[in-house]
């Protein structure tokens, strides 16, 4: 299972909670990349640029999917690469965690400085632009959507677990 959505949608927190609820593992693509390179995502963007980061992200996704069942916390831009979209559609049950940009920004709070794609201007405008650019891709890969606005992590995870039970 893979969680997709813009920054601040709850992917990381929900992925950890889902892994706990389902008794499985959680793989954060960003954390995997940071661990393997010894650099933060912000440092990687600054040193190598977004294109090289996206290559690393695609490699991390391929590894995560190959490692067997897990809850994968995808970065917000993972859907930009058509290879990643194909992998998410064909090898994962992807869930789009939808959130309004204003709510996403509230959740990100003072962590905006650690988000390379949000520091070049007003963060809410950047999130709005990203959502507009990526919505069709999120929709393309997602088996279903879950609204996260106004919901706690546990509520979102429980909603996903119920949906999984209904599908079984």
C-alpha atoms as a PDB file:
ATOM      1  CA  UNK A   1       0.000   0.000   0.000  1.00  0.00           C
ATOM      2  CA  UNK A   2       1.292   3.469  -0.852  1.00  0.00           C
ATOM      3  CA  UNK A   3       0.097   6.844   0.399  1.00  0.00           C
ATOM      4  CA  UNK A   4       0.259   9.798  -1.989  1.00  0.00           C
ATOM      5  CA  UNK A   5      -0.709  13.458  -1.692  1.00  0.00           C
ATOM      6  CA  UNK A   6       0.782  16.903  -1.290  1.00  0.00           C
ATOM      7  CA  UNK A   7       3.049  17.842   1.612  1.00  0.00           C
ATOM      8  CA  UNK A   8       1.035  18.149   4.787  1.00  0.00           C
ATOM      9  CA  UNK A   9      -1.645  15.664   3.743  1.00  0.00           C
ATOM     10  CA  UNK A  10      -0.635  13.297   6.545  1.00  0.00           C
ATOM     11  CA  UNK A  11       1.241  10.641   4.583  1.00  0.00           C
ATOM     12  CA  UNK A  12       4.046  10.085   7.093  1.00  0.00           C
ATOM     13  CA  UNK A  13       1.919  10.013  10.236  1.00  0.00           C
ATOM     14  CA  UNK A  14      -0.859   7.936   8.670  1.00  0.00           C
ATOM     15  CA  UNK A  15       1.645   5.478   7.172  1.00  0.00           C
ATOM     16  CA  UNK A  16       3.216   4.857  10.593  1.00  0.00           C
ATOM     17  CA  UNK A  17      -0.197   4.410  12.223  1.00  0.00           C
ATOM     18  CA  UNK A  18      -1.402   2.091   9.443  1.00  0.00           C
ATOM     19  CA  UNK A  19       1.716  -0.049   9.711  1.00  0.00           C
ATOM     20  CA  UNK A  20       1.071  -0.374  13.448  1.00  0.00           C
ATOM     21  CA  UNK A  21      -2.626  -1.181  12.940  1.00  0.00           C
ATOM     22  CA  UNK A  22      -1.915  -3.723  10.213  1.00  0.00           C
ATOM     23  CA  UNK A  23       1.095  -5.251  11.953  1.00  0.00           C
ATOM     24  CA  UNK A  24       3.421  -4.488   9.066  1.00  0.00           C
ATOM     25  CA  UNK A  25       6.302  -2.244   8.209  1.00  0.00           C
ATOM     26  CA  UNK A  26       6.369   1.369   7.126  1.00  0.00           C
ATOM     27  CA  UNK A  27       8.794   2.666   4.521  1.00  0.00           C
ATOM     28  CA  UNK A  28       9.291   6.402   4.113  1.00  0.00           C
ATOM     29  CA  UNK A  29      10.847   7.150   0.739  1.00  0.00           C
ATOM     30  CA  UNK A  30      12.264  10.469   1.948  1.00  0.00           C
ATOM     31  CA  UNK A  31      13.738   8.870   5.074  1.00  0.00           C
ATOM     32  CA  UNK A  32      15.222   6.053   2.969  1.00  0.00           C
ATOM     33  CA  UNK A  33      16.855   8.559   0.647  1.00  0.00           C
ATOM     34  CA  UNK A  34      18.171  10.681   3.519  1.00  0.00           C
ATOM     35  CA  UNK A  35      19.549   7.603   5.278  1.00  0.00           C
ATOM     36  CA  UNK A  36      21.249   6.208   2.179  1.00  0.00           C
ATOM     37  CA  UNK A  37      22.868   9.546   1.276  1.00  0.00           C
ATOM     38  CA  UNK A  38      23.596  10.885   4.754  1.00  0.00           C
ATOM     39  CA  UNK A  39      21.910  14.164   3.776  1.00  0.00           C
ATOM     40  CA  UNK A  40      18.550  15.745   4.455  1.00  0.00           C
ATOM     41  CA  UNK A  41      16.131  16.191   1.573  1.00  0.00           C
ATOM     42  CA  UNK A  42      16.749  19.965   1.695  1.00  0.00           C
ATOM     43  CA  UNK A  43      20.521  19.377   1.479  1.00  0.00           C
ATOM     44  CA  UNK A  44      20.062  17.004  -1.474  1.00  0.00           C
ATOM     45  CA  UNK A  45      17.919  19.513  -3.343  1.00  0.00           C
ATOM     46  CA  UNK A  46      20.502  22.246  -2.723  1.00  0.00           C
ATOM     47  CA  UNK A  47      23.497  20.105  -3.686  1.00  0.00           C
ATOM     48  CA  UNK A  48      22.103  18.011  -6.536  1.00  0.00           C
ATOM     49  CA  UNK A  49      18.872  19.632  -7.692  1.00  0.00           C
ATOM     50  CA  UNK A  50      15.358  18.310  -8.038  1.00  0.00           C
ATOM     51  CA  UNK A  51      16.037  16.135 -11.099  1.00  0.00           C
ATOM     52  CA  UNK A  52      18.660  14.057  -9.272  1.00  0.00           C
ATOM     53  CA  UNK A  53      16.415  13.836  -6.212  1.00  0.00           C
ATOM     54  CA  UNK A  54      13.593  12.493  -8.410  1.00  0.00           C
ATOM     55  CA  UNK A  55      15.958   9.809  -9.738  1.00  0.00           C
ATOM     56  CA  UNK A  56      16.794   8.789  -6.175  1.00  0.00           C
ATOM     57  CA  UNK A  57      13.077   8.808  -5.341  1.00  0.00           C
ATOM     58  CA  UNK A  58      12.292   6.467  -8.250  1.00  0.00           C
ATOM     59  CA  UNK A  59      15.050   4.091  -7.110  1.00  0.00           C
ATOM     60  CA  UNK A  60      13.723   4.169  -3.526  1.00  0.00           C
ATOM     61  CA  UNK A  61      10.168   3.449  -4.689  1.00  0.00           C
ATOM     62  CA  UNK A  62      11.309   0.508  -6.820  1.00  0.00           C
ATOM     63  CA  UNK A  63      13.221  -0.920  -3.822  1.00  0.00           C
ATOM     64  CA  UNK A  64      10.280  -0.396  -1.472  1.00  0.00           C
ATOM     65  CA  UNK A  65       7.845  -2.128  -3.812  1.00  0.00           C
ATOM     66  CA  UNK A  66      10.269  -5.023  -4.338  1.00  0.00           C
ATOM     67  CA  UNK A  67      10.705  -5.566  -0.598  1.00  0.00           C
ATOM     68  CA  UNK A  68       7.223  -7.025  -0.221  1.00  0.00           C
ATOM     69  CA  UNK A  69       4.154  -5.841   1.663  1.00  0.00           C
ATOM     70  CA  UNK A  70       4.569  -2.545   3.513  1.00  0.00           C
ATOM     71  CA  UNK A  71       2.913   0.814   3.929  1.00  0.00           C
ATOM     72  CA  UNK A  72       4.917   3.187   1.747  1.00  0.00           C
ATOM     73  CA  UNK A  73       4.995   6.874   2.641  1.00  0.00           C
ATOM     74  CA  UNK A  74       5.644   8.501  -0.731  1.00  0.00           C
ATOM     75  CA  UNK A  75       6.935  12.004  -1.213  1.00  0.00           C
ATOM     76  CA  UNK A  76       4.401  14.428  -2.655  1.00  0.00           C
ATOM     77  CA  UNK A  77       6.152  14.593  -6.025  1.00  0.00           C
ATOM     78  CA  UNK A  78       6.597  10.853  -6.569  1.00  0.00           C
ATOM     79  CA  UNK A  79       3.749  10.924  -9.104  1.00  0.00           C
ATOM     80  CA  UNK A  80       5.602  13.309 -11.423  1.00  0.00           C
ATOM     81  CA  UNK A  81       7.584  10.443 -12.961  1.00  0.00           C
ATOM     82  CA  UNK A  82       5.528   8.237 -15.312  1.00  0.00           C
ATOM     83  CA  UNK A  83       7.582   5.184 -14.264  1.00  0.00           C
ATOM     84  CA  UNK A  84       6.596   5.775 -10.663  1.00  0.00           C
ATOM     85  CA  UNK A  85       2.947   6.166 -11.622  1.00  0.00           C
ATOM     86  CA  UNK A  86       3.059   2.844 -13.477  1.00  0.00           C
ATOM     87  CA  UNK A  87       4.664   1.158 -10.475  1.00  0.00           C
ATOM     88  CA  UNK A  88       2.105   2.636  -8.080  1.00  0.00           C
ATOM     89  CA  UNK A  89      -0.806   1.612 -10.316  1.00  0.00           C
ATOM     90  CA  UNK A  90       0.418  -1.876 -11.108  1.00  0.00           C
ATOM     91  CA  UNK A  91       2.183  -2.985  -7.929  1.00  0.00           C
ATOM     92  CA  UNK A  92       0.549  -1.051  -5.078  1.00  0.00           C
ATOM     93  CA  UNK A  93      -2.772  -0.101  -3.674  1.00  0.00           C
ATOM     94  CA  UNK A  94      -2.264   3.654  -3.704  1.00  0.00           C
ATOM     95  CA  UNK A  95      -4.410   5.882  -1.517  1.00  0.00           C
ATOM     96  CA  UNK A  96      -4.610   9.612  -2.175  1.00  0.00           C
ATOM     97  CA  UNK A  97      -4.712  11.566   1.071  1.00  0.00           C
ATOM     98  CA  UNK A  98      -6.495  14.747   0.016  1.00  0.00           C
ATOM     99  CA  UNK A  99      -6.073  17.981   1.939  1.00  0.00           C
ATOM    100  CA  UNK A 100      -6.713  21.654   1.261  1.00  0.00           C
ATOM    101  CA  UNK A 101      -3.491  23.663   0.854  1.00  0.00           C
ATOM    102  CA  UNK A 102      -4.354  25.927   3.811  1.00  0.00           C
ATOM    103  CA  UNK A 103      -4.780  22.900   6.096  1.00  0.00           C
ATOM    104  CA  UNK A 104      -1.584  21.339   4.755  1.00  0.00           C
ATOM    105  CA  UNK A 105       0.326  24.525   5.545  1.00  0.00           C
ATOM    106  CA  UNK A 106      -1.131  24.638   9.054  1.00  0.00           C
ATOM    107  CA  UNK A 107       0.129  21.082   9.628  1.00  0.00           C
ATOM    108  CA  UNK A 108       3.575  21.797   8.195  1.00  0.00           C
ATOM    109  CA  UNK A 109       3.890  24.855  10.428  1.00  0.00           C
ATOM    110  CA  UNK A 110       7.440  25.957  11.084  1.00  0.00           C
ATOM    111  CA  UNK A 111       8.806  22.976   9.130  1.00  0.00           C
ATOM    112  CA  UNK A 112       8.326  24.917   5.853  1.00  0.00           C
ATOM    113  CA  UNK A 113      12.061  25.648   5.807  1.00  0.00           C
ATOM    114  CA  UNK A 114      12.762  21.899   5.497  1.00  0.00           C
ATOM    115  CA  UNK A 115      10.564  21.616   2.399  1.00  0.00           C
ATOM    116  CA  UNK A 116      12.640  22.692  -0.623  1.00  0.00           C
ATOM    117  CA  UNK A 117       9.655  23.210  -2.910  1.00  0.00           C
ATOM    118  CA  UNK A 118       7.901  25.493  -0.414  1.00  0.00           C
ATOM    119  CA  UNK A 119      10.651  27.980   0.460  1.00  0.00           C
ATOM    120  CA  UNK A 120      10.856  29.959  -2.791  1.00  0.00           C
ATOM    121  CA  UNK A 121       7.697  31.999  -2.210  1.00  0.00           C
ATOM    122  CA  UNK A 122       4.432  31.958  -0.324  1.00  0.00           C
ATOM    123  CA  UNK A 123       4.084  28.341   0.834  1.00  0.00           C
ATOM    124  CA  UNK A 124       0.300  28.167   0.485  1.00  0.00           C
ATOM    125  CA  UNK A 125       0.541  29.367  -3.121  1.00  0.00           C
ATOM    126  CA  UNK A 126       3.203  26.700  -3.783  1.00  0.00           C
ATOM    127  CA  UNK A 127       0.979  23.996  -2.276  1.00  0.00           C
ATOM    128  CA  UNK A 128      -1.993  25.218  -4.320  1.00  0.00           C
ATOM    129  CA  UNK A 129       0.120  25.120  -7.489  1.00  0.00           C
ATOM    130  CA  UNK A 130       1.443  21.638  -6.656  1.00  0.00           C
ATOM    131  CA  UNK A 131      -2.054  20.342  -6.045  1.00  0.00           C
ATOM    132  CA  UNK A 132      -3.215  21.747  -9.385  1.00  0.00           C
ATOM    133  CA  UNK A 133      -0.216  20.234 -11.204  1.00  0.00           C
ATOM    134  CA  UNK A 134      -0.400  16.830  -9.508  1.00  0.00           C
ATOM    135  CA  UNK A 135      -4.114  16.146  -8.942  1.00  0.00           C
ATOM    136  CA  UNK A 136      -4.571  14.275 -12.216  1.00  0.00           C
ATOM    137  CA  UNK A 137      -1.554  12.105 -11.378  1.00  0.00           C
ATOM    138  CA  UNK A 138      -2.784  11.368  -7.852  1.00  0.00           C
ATOM    139  CA  UNK A 139      -6.150  10.443  -9.304  1.00  0.00           C
ATOM    140  CA  UNK A 140      -4.496   8.254 -11.939  1.00  0.00           C
ATOM    141  CA  UNK A 141      -2.639   6.103  -9.403  1.00  0.00           C
ATOM    142  CA  UNK A 142      -5.105   6.069  -6.516  1.00  0.00           C
ATOM    143  CA  UNK A 143      -7.365   3.137  -5.782  1.00  0.00           C
ATOM    144  CA  UNK A 144      -9.371   5.545  -3.664  1.00  0.00           C
ATOM    145  CA  UNK A 145      -9.184   8.905  -1.902  1.00  0.00           C
ATOM    146  CA  UNK A 146      -9.423   9.863   1.750  1.00  0.00           C
ATOM    147  CA  UNK A 147     -10.056  13.454   2.872  1.00  0.00           C
ATOM    148  CA  UNK A 148      -7.802  14.321   5.779  1.00  0.00           C
ATOM    149  CA  UNK A 149      -8.971  17.889   6.500  1.00  0.00           C
ATOM    150  CA  UNK A 150     -10.315  18.082  10.037  1.00  0.00           C
ATOM    151  CA  UNK A 151      -9.412  14.474  10.834  1.00  0.00           C
ATOM    152  CA  UNK A 152      -6.841  13.150  13.276  1.00  0.00           C
ATOM    153  CA  UNK A 153      -4.240  10.611  12.158  1.00  0.00           C
ATOM    154  CA  UNK A 154      -6.011   7.789  13.973  1.00  0.00           C
ATOM    155  CA  UNK A 155      -9.321   8.604  12.292  1.00  0.00           C
ATOM    156  CA  UNK A 156      -7.742   8.542   8.836  1.00  0.00           C
ATOM    157  CA  UNK A 157      -5.954   5.258   9.542  1.00  0.00           C
ATOM    158  CA  UNK A 158      -9.162   3.724  10.888  1.00  0.00           C
ATOM    159  CA  UNK A 159     -11.061   4.883   7.797  1.00  0.00           C
ATOM    160  CA  UNK A 160      -8.477   3.189   5.584  1.00  0.00           C
ATOM    161  CA  UNK A 161      -8.576  -0.009   7.674  1.00  0.00           C
ATOM    162  CA  UNK A 162     -12.389  -0.107   7.408  1.00  0.00           C
ATOM    163  CA  UNK A 163     -12.142   0.335   3.656  1.00  0.00           C
ATOM    164  CA  UNK A 164      -9.652  -2.525   3.471  1.00  0.00           C
ATOM    165  CA  UNK A 165     -11.994  -4.760   5.480  1.00  0.00           C
ATOM    166  CA  UNK A 166     -14.901  -3.873   3.183  1.00  0.00           C
ATOM    167  CA  UNK A 167     -12.819  -4.847   0.156  1.00  0.00           C
ATOM    168  CA  UNK A 168     -11.804  -8.198   1.653  1.00  0.00           C
END
